[in-house]
Amino acid sequence: MKNEFHNMTDVELEQKLKDLKSELFNLRFRHASGQLENPVSIRVCKRNIARVNTELRARAKA
């Protein structure tokens, strides 16, 4: 999973971050309305957002 984000371009990472934030919003909405079957998916989504942010930050510092 780590290499998946490492091999992406900056533009792809920005788009992935946007998609993940949208997905997290939808997951939270479904969770609040009681329609979410697997609450662990929220945690997985948050971690993926953190991975993308970490990769973007590492590239900015380099």
C-alpha atoms as a PDB file:
ATOM      1  CA  MET A   1       0.000   0.000   0.000  1.00  0.00           C
ATOM      2  CA  LYS A   2       2.814   2.399   0.841  1.00  0.00           C
ATOM      3  CA  ASN A   3       4.431   1.951  -2.563  1.00  0.00           C
ATOM      4  CA  GLU A   4       1.096   2.593  -4.239  1.00  0.00           C
ATOM      5  CA  PHE A   5       1.212   6.244  -3.166  1.00  0.00           C
ATOM      6  CA  HIS A   6       4.970   6.548  -3.528  1.00  0.00           C
ATOM      7  CA  ASN A   7       4.779   5.747  -7.237  1.00  0.00           C
ATOM      8  CA  MET A   8       2.068   8.319  -8.010  1.00  0.00           C
ATOM      9  CA  THR A   9       2.712  11.772  -9.426  1.00  0.00           C
ATOM     10  CA  ASP A  10       1.861  14.920  -7.475  1.00  0.00           C
ATOM     11  CA  VAL A  11      -1.252  15.522  -9.571  1.00  0.00           C
ATOM     12  CA  GLU A  12      -2.434  11.946  -9.025  1.00  0.00           C
ATOM     13  CA  LEU A  13      -1.841  12.292  -5.273  1.00  0.00           C
ATOM     14  CA  GLU A  14      -3.864  15.511  -5.126  1.00  0.00           C
ATOM     15  CA  GLN A  15      -6.728  13.826  -6.992  1.00  0.00           C
ATOM     16  CA  LYS A  16      -6.515  10.754  -4.740  1.00  0.00           C
ATOM     17  CA  LEU A  17      -6.635  13.001  -1.662  1.00  0.00           C
ATOM     18  CA  LYS A  18      -9.727  14.737  -2.996  1.00  0.00           C
ATOM     19  CA  ASP A  19     -11.398  11.381  -3.709  1.00  0.00           C
ATOM     20  CA  LEU A  20     -10.513   9.996  -0.276  1.00  0.00           C
ATOM     21  CA  LYS A  21     -11.895  13.050   1.514  1.00  0.00           C
ATOM     22  CA  SER A  22     -15.118  12.727  -0.443  1.00  0.00           C
ATOM     23  CA  GLU A  23     -15.287   9.025   0.397  1.00  0.00           C
ATOM     24  CA  LEU A  24     -14.708   9.776   4.094  1.00  0.00           C
ATOM     25  CA  PHE A  25     -17.552  12.293   4.068  1.00  0.00           C
ATOM     26  CA  ASN A  26     -19.864   9.705   2.526  1.00  0.00           C
ATOM     27  CA  LEU A  27     -18.769   7.033   5.008  1.00  0.00           C
ATOM     28  CA  ARG A  28     -19.391   9.346   7.960  1.00  0.00           C
ATOM     29  CA  PHE A  29     -22.806  10.272   6.597  1.00  0.00           C
ATOM     30  CA  ARG A  30     -23.751   6.619   6.123  1.00  0.00           C
ATOM     31  CA  HIS A  31     -22.451   5.781   9.598  1.00  0.00           C
ATOM     32  CA  ALA A  32     -24.525   8.547  11.188  1.00  0.00           C
ATOM     33  CA  SER A  33     -27.649   7.336   9.419  1.00  0.00           C
ATOM     34  CA  GLY A  34     -27.003   3.721  10.445  1.00  0.00           C
ATOM     35  CA  GLN A  35     -26.445   2.419   6.917  1.00  0.00           C
ATOM     36  CA  LEU A  36     -22.734   1.642   7.202  1.00  0.00           C
ATOM     37  CA  GLU A  37     -22.089  -2.104   7.382  1.00  0.00           C
ATOM     38  CA  ASN A  38     -18.374  -1.969   8.183  1.00  0.00           C
ATOM     39  CA  PRO A  39     -17.300   0.908  10.464  1.00  0.00           C
ATOM     40  CA  VAL A  40     -13.651  -0.113  10.071  1.00  0.00           C
ATOM     41  CA  SER A  41     -13.765   1.357   6.557  1.00  0.00           C
ATOM     42  CA  ILE A  42     -13.764   4.845   8.131  1.00  0.00           C
ATOM     43  CA  ARG A  43     -10.464   4.094   9.866  1.00  0.00           C
ATOM     44  CA  VAL A  44      -8.967   2.669   6.677  1.00  0.00           C
ATOM     45  CA  CYS A  45      -9.993   5.763   4.733  1.00  0.00           C
ATOM     46  CA  LYS A  46      -8.486   8.088   7.370  1.00  0.00           C
ATOM     47  CA  ARG A  47      -5.215   6.175   7.263  1.00  0.00           C
ATOM     48  CA  ASN A  48      -5.077   6.389   3.472  1.00  0.00           C
ATOM     49  CA  ILE A  49      -5.619  10.155   3.703  1.00  0.00           C
ATOM     50  CA  ALA A  50      -2.741  10.344   6.183  1.00  0.00           C
ATOM     51  CA  ARG A  51      -0.526   8.292   3.864  1.00  0.00           C
ATOM     52  CA  VAL A  52      -1.218  10.609   0.938  1.00  0.00           C
ATOM     53  CA  ASN A  53      -0.600  13.701   3.090  1.00  0.00           C
ATOM     54  CA  THR A  54       2.655  12.192   4.371  1.00  0.00           C
ATOM     55  CA  GLU A  55       3.853  11.503   0.844  1.00  0.00           C
ATOM     56  CA  LEU A  56       2.953  15.020  -0.314  1.00  0.00           C
ATOM     57  CA  ARG A  57       4.726  16.537   2.708  1.00  0.00           C
ATOM     58  CA  ALA A  58       7.835  14.435   2.130  1.00  0.00           C
ATOM     59  CA  ARG A  59       7.995  15.597  -1.481  1.00  0.00           C
ATOM     60  CA  ALA A  60       7.531  19.226  -0.462  1.00  0.00           C
ATOM     61  CA  LYS A  61      10.414  19.004   1.996  1.00  0.00           C
ATOM     62  CA  ALA A  62      12.738  17.320  -0.532  1.00  0.00           C
END
